[in-house]
Amino acid sequence: MIRPLIMAAGVILLLHRPAYAYLDPGTASIILQAVVGMVAAAGLFFRAHLARLISLFRRLGKTDPGSNAPGINAEDNGDRLRHKPADGD
């Protein structure tokens, strides 16, 4: 199955004709902009998931000495956005 595909691709690549096409500078800038956008999106995607994974392992590593369930800390129940007032508040 793969051998005919390789042979067909080889024939197509060997029997090509020059296109004499013109690519203006705007085309290159659009391609560059798309590549930079994809790299930035991939970086943000992996950064967000890496932060979640690290916080998961940090939470699993902390255990409350009084609890029987591993990985559960009584002080930090995973809600890091909640405001914890200082002693004087």
N, C-alpha and C. Protein backbone atom coordinates (compact mmCIF):
# COMPACT_ATOMS: atom_id res chain seq x y z
N MET A 1 0.83 -1.20 0.00
CA MET A 1 0.00 0.00 0.00
C MET A 1 0.87 1.25 0.00
N ILE A 2 1.93 1.22 0.78
CA ILE A 2 2.76 2.42 0.88
C ILE A 2 3.73 2.53 -0.31
N ARG A 3 4.11 1.39 -0.89
CA ARG A 3 5.05 1.41 -2.01
C ARG A 3 4.48 2.16 -3.22
N PRO A 4 3.20 1.94 -3.61
CA PRO A 4 2.67 2.72 -4.74
C PRO A 4 2.60 4.22 -4.44
N LEU A 5 2.33 4.58 -3.19
CA LEU A 5 2.30 6.00 -2.84
C LEU A 5 3.67 6.63 -2.97
N ILE A 6 4.69 5.92 -2.52
CA ILE A 6 6.06 6.44 -2.63
C ILE A 6 6.47 6.56 -4.09
N MET A 7 6.09 5.58 -4.89
CA MET A 7 6.43 5.63 -6.32
C MET A 7 5.69 6.77 -7.01
N ALA A 8 4.43 6.98 -6.68
CA ALA A 8 3.67 8.07 -7.29
C ALA A 8 4.26 9.42 -6.89
N ALA A 9 4.64 9.56 -5.62
CA ALA A 9 5.25 10.81 -5.17
C ALA A 9 6.58 11.04 -5.88
N GLY A 10 7.35 9.98 -6.06
CA GLY A 10 8.62 10.10 -6.77
C GLY A 10 8.44 10.53 -8.21
N VAL A 11 7.45 9.96 -8.90
CA VAL A 11 7.18 10.33 -10.29
C VAL A 11 6.76 11.79 -10.37
N ILE A 12 5.89 12.21 -9.48
CA ILE A 12 5.43 13.60 -9.48
C ILE A 12 6.59 14.55 -9.23
N LEU A 13 7.47 14.20 -8.30
CA LEU A 13 8.60 15.07 -7.99
C LEU A 13 9.64 15.10 -9.11
N LEU A 14 9.80 14.00 -9.82
CA LEU A 14 10.79 13.95 -10.90
C LEU A 14 10.30 14.62 -12.18
N LEU A 15 9.02 14.65 -12.40
CA LEU A 15 8.46 15.19 -13.65
C LEU A 15 7.82 16.57 -13.43
N HIS A 16 8.45 17.39 -12.66
CA HIS A 16 7.88 18.71 -12.40
C HIS A 16 8.35 19.71 -13.46
N ARG A 17 7.58 20.77 -13.63
CA ARG A 17 7.94 21.85 -14.52
C ARG A 17 8.06 23.13 -13.70
N PRO A 18 8.93 24.04 -14.05
CA PRO A 18 9.04 25.29 -13.30
C PRO A 18 7.74 26.09 -13.38
N ALA A 19 7.38 26.74 -12.30
CA ALA A 19 6.11 27.46 -12.24
C ALA A 19 6.26 28.91 -12.67
N TYR A 20 7.43 29.49 -12.53
CA TYR A 20 7.66 30.91 -12.84
C TYR A 20 6.65 31.79 -12.12
N ALA A 21 6.42 31.49 -10.87
CA ALA A 21 5.46 32.26 -10.08
C ALA A 21 6.21 33.34 -9.30
N TYR A 22 5.46 34.36 -8.92
CA TYR A 22 6.03 35.46 -8.16
C TYR A 22 5.34 35.54 -6.81
N LEU A 23 6.13 35.56 -5.76
CA LEU A 23 5.60 35.77 -4.42
C LEU A 23 6.07 37.13 -3.94
N ASP A 24 5.14 38.01 -3.68
CA ASP A 24 5.53 39.34 -3.22
C ASP A 24 5.91 39.31 -1.74
N PRO A 25 6.54 40.35 -1.23
CA PRO A 25 6.96 40.38 0.17
C PRO A 25 5.79 40.26 1.16
N GLY A 26 4.62 40.66 0.75
CA GLY A 26 3.46 40.55 1.63
C GLY A 26 3.12 39.10 1.96
N THR A 27 3.35 38.21 1.03
CA THR A 27 3.09 36.79 1.27
C THR A 27 4.00 36.25 2.36
N ALA A 28 5.26 36.60 2.30
CA ALA A 28 6.21 36.14 3.31
C ALA A 28 5.85 36.69 4.69
N SER A 29 5.41 37.94 4.74
CA SER A 29 5.06 38.51 6.05
C SER A 29 3.81 37.85 6.62
N ILE A 30 2.87 37.49 5.78
CA ILE A 30 1.67 36.80 6.26
C ILE A 30 2.03 35.41 6.79
N ILE A 31 2.90 34.71 6.07
CA ILE A 31 3.33 33.39 6.53
C ILE A 31 4.09 33.50 7.84
N LEU A 32 4.99 34.48 7.94
CA LEU A 32 5.75 34.69 9.18
C LEU A 32 4.81 35.04 10.33
N GLN A 33 3.82 35.87 10.08
CA GLN A 33 2.86 36.24 11.12
C GLN A 33 2.07 35.02 11.59
N ALA A 34 1.68 34.16 10.69
CA ALA A 34 0.95 32.95 11.07
C ALA A 34 1.82 32.02 11.90
N VAL A 35 3.08 31.87 11.51
CA VAL A 35 3.99 30.99 12.26
C VAL A 35 4.24 31.54 13.66
N VAL A 36 4.48 32.84 13.78
CA VAL A 36 4.70 33.45 15.09
C VAL A 36 3.45 33.31 15.96
N GLY A 37 2.29 33.49 15.38
CA GLY A 37 1.04 33.32 16.13
C GLY A 37 0.85 31.90 16.63
N MET A 38 1.18 30.92 15.78
CA MET A 38 1.05 29.52 16.20
C MET A 38 2.03 29.18 17.31
N VAL A 39 3.25 29.69 17.21
CA VAL A 39 4.25 29.43 18.25
C VAL A 39 3.81 30.06 19.57
N ALA A 40 3.29 31.28 19.52
CA ALA A 40 2.83 31.95 20.74
C ALA A 40 1.64 31.20 21.35
N ALA A 41 0.70 30.77 20.53
CA ALA A 41 -0.45 30.03 21.04
C ALA A 41 -0.03 28.71 21.65
N ALA A 42 0.89 28.01 21.01
CA ALA A 42 1.37 26.74 21.56
C ALA A 42 2.10 26.97 22.87
N GLY A 43 2.89 28.03 22.96
CA GLY A 43 3.59 28.34 24.20
C GLY A 43 2.64 28.63 25.34
N LEU A 44 1.60 29.41 25.09
CA LEU A 44 0.62 29.70 26.13
C LEU A 44 -0.17 28.45 26.53
N PHE A 45 -0.50 27.63 25.55
CA PHE A 45 -1.23 26.40 25.84
C PHE A 45 -0.42 25.49 26.75
N PHE A 46 0.84 25.26 26.40
CA PHE A 46 1.68 24.37 27.21
C PHE A 46 2.02 24.98 28.55
N ARG A 47 2.17 26.30 28.61
CA ARG A 47 2.46 26.95 29.88
C ARG A 47 1.29 26.80 30.84
N ALA A 48 0.08 26.95 30.34
CA ALA A 48 -1.10 26.82 31.20
C ALA A 48 -1.23 25.39 31.72
N HIS A 49 -1.03 24.42 30.85
CA HIS A 49 -1.16 23.04 31.28
C HIS A 49 0.01 22.60 32.16
N LEU A 50 1.19 23.15 31.92
CA LEU A 50 2.33 22.84 32.77
C LEU A 50 2.11 23.40 34.17
N ALA A 51 1.54 24.60 34.28
CA ALA A 51 1.25 25.18 35.59
C ALA A 51 0.22 24.34 36.33
N ARG A 52 -0.79 23.86 35.64
CA ARG A 52 -1.80 23.00 36.28
C ARG A 52 -1.17 21.70 36.77
N LEU A 53 -0.32 21.13 35.95
CA LEU A 53 0.33 19.87 36.31
C LEU A 53 1.25 20.05 37.52
N ILE A 54 2.00 21.13 37.54
CA ILE A 54 2.89 21.39 38.67
C ILE A 54 2.08 21.62 39.94
N SER A 55 0.98 22.39 39.85
CA SER A 55 0.17 22.64 41.04
C SER A 55 -0.50 21.35 41.52
N LEU A 56 -0.85 20.46 40.61
CA LEU A 56 -1.43 19.18 41.00
C LEU A 56 -0.43 18.36 41.81
N PHE A 57 0.80 18.29 41.31
CA PHE A 57 1.82 17.53 42.04
C PHE A 57 2.18 18.18 43.36
N ARG A 58 2.15 19.50 43.41
CA ARG A 58 2.42 20.17 44.69
C ARG A 58 1.33 19.86 45.70
N ARG A 59 0.07 19.87 45.23
CA ARG A 59 -1.04 19.55 46.15
C ARG A 59 -0.99 18.10 46.59
N LEU A 60 -0.62 17.21 45.68
CA LEU A 60 -0.54 15.80 46.04
C LEU A 60 0.60 15.53 47.02
N GLY A 61 1.63 16.35 46.97
CA GLY A 61 2.76 16.17 47.86
C GLY A 61 2.48 16.62 49.28
N LYS A 62 1.56 17.57 49.45
CA LYS A 62 1.23 18.06 50.78
C LYS A 62 0.14 17.19 51.38
N THR A 63 0.32 16.77 52.60
CA THR A 63 -0.71 15.99 53.29
C THR A 63 -0.93 16.58 54.66
N ASP A 64 -2.15 16.48 55.13
CA ASP A 64 -2.51 16.93 56.47
C ASP A 64 -2.19 15.79 57.43
N PRO A 65 -1.42 16.05 58.50
CA PRO A 65 -1.06 14.96 59.40
C PRO A 65 -2.28 14.29 60.06
N GLY A 66 -3.39 15.01 60.20
CA GLY A 66 -4.56 14.45 60.86
C GLY A 66 -5.51 13.73 59.92
N SER A 67 -5.32 13.85 58.63
CA SER A 67 -6.28 13.23 57.71
C SER A 67 -5.76 11.87 57.26
N ASN A 68 -6.70 11.02 56.88
CA ASN A 68 -6.35 9.68 56.39
C ASN A 68 -6.15 9.67 54.88
N ALA A 69 -6.70 10.69 54.19
CA ALA A 69 -6.62 10.72 52.74
C ALA A 69 -5.29 11.32 52.30
N PRO A 70 -4.52 10.61 51.49
CA PRO A 70 -3.25 11.17 51.03
C PRO A 70 -3.48 12.29 50.02
N GLY A 71 -2.65 13.31 50.11
CA GLY A 71 -2.70 14.38 49.13
C GLY A 71 -3.70 15.47 49.44
N ILE A 72 -4.36 15.43 50.57
CA ILE A 72 -5.33 16.46 50.91
C ILE A 72 -4.78 17.25 52.09
N ASN A 73 -4.68 18.53 51.91
CA ASN A 73 -4.18 19.41 52.95
C ASN A 73 -5.36 20.23 53.47
N ALA A 74 -5.55 20.27 54.75
CA ALA A 74 -6.69 20.98 55.32
C ALA A 74 -6.58 22.48 55.10
N GLU A 75 -5.36 23.03 55.08
CA GLU A 75 -5.19 24.46 54.90
C GLU A 75 -5.38 24.87 53.45
N ASP A 76 -4.96 24.06 52.54
CA ASP A 76 -5.03 24.38 51.11
C ASP A 76 -5.92 23.36 50.42
N ASN A 77 -7.17 23.73 50.21
CA ASN A 77 -8.10 22.80 49.58
C ASN A 77 -8.15 22.99 48.06
N GLY A 78 -7.14 23.62 47.52
CA GLY A 78 -7.09 23.82 46.08
C GLY A 78 -7.66 25.14 45.63
N ASP A 79 -8.25 25.91 46.52
CA ASP A 79 -8.83 27.20 46.17
C ASP A 79 -7.80 28.28 46.47
N ARG A 80 -6.92 28.54 45.52
CA ARG A 80 -5.84 29.50 45.73
C ARG A 80 -6.30 30.93 45.47
N LEU A 81 -7.49 31.13 44.93
CA LEU A 81 -7.95 32.46 44.62
C LEU A 81 -8.67 33.12 45.79
N ARG A 82 -9.01 32.38 46.79
CA ARG A 82 -9.72 32.93 47.93
C ARG A 82 -8.79 33.82 48.74
N HIS A 83 -9.31 34.97 49.19
CA HIS A 83 -8.52 35.92 49.98
C HIS A 83 -8.40 35.39 51.40
N LYS A 84 -7.16 35.29 51.85
CA LYS A 84 -6.92 34.88 53.23
C LYS A 84 -6.51 36.12 54.01
N PRO A 85 -7.35 36.60 54.93
CA PRO A 85 -7.02 37.83 55.65
C PRO A 85 -5.80 37.65 56.54
N ALA A 86 -5.08 38.75 56.71
CA ALA A 86 -3.92 38.74 57.59
C ALA A 86 -4.39 38.69 59.04
N ASP A 87 -3.46 38.53 59.97
CA ASP A 87 -3.81 38.41 61.38
C ASP A 87 -4.51 39.65 61.90
N GLY A 88 -4.15 40.83 61.41
CA GLY A 88 -4.73 42.07 61.91
C GLY A 88 -6.06 42.42 61.27
N ASP A 89 -6.50 41.72 60.23
CA ASP A 89 -7.75 42.09 59.51
C ASP A 89 -8.96 41.58 60.21
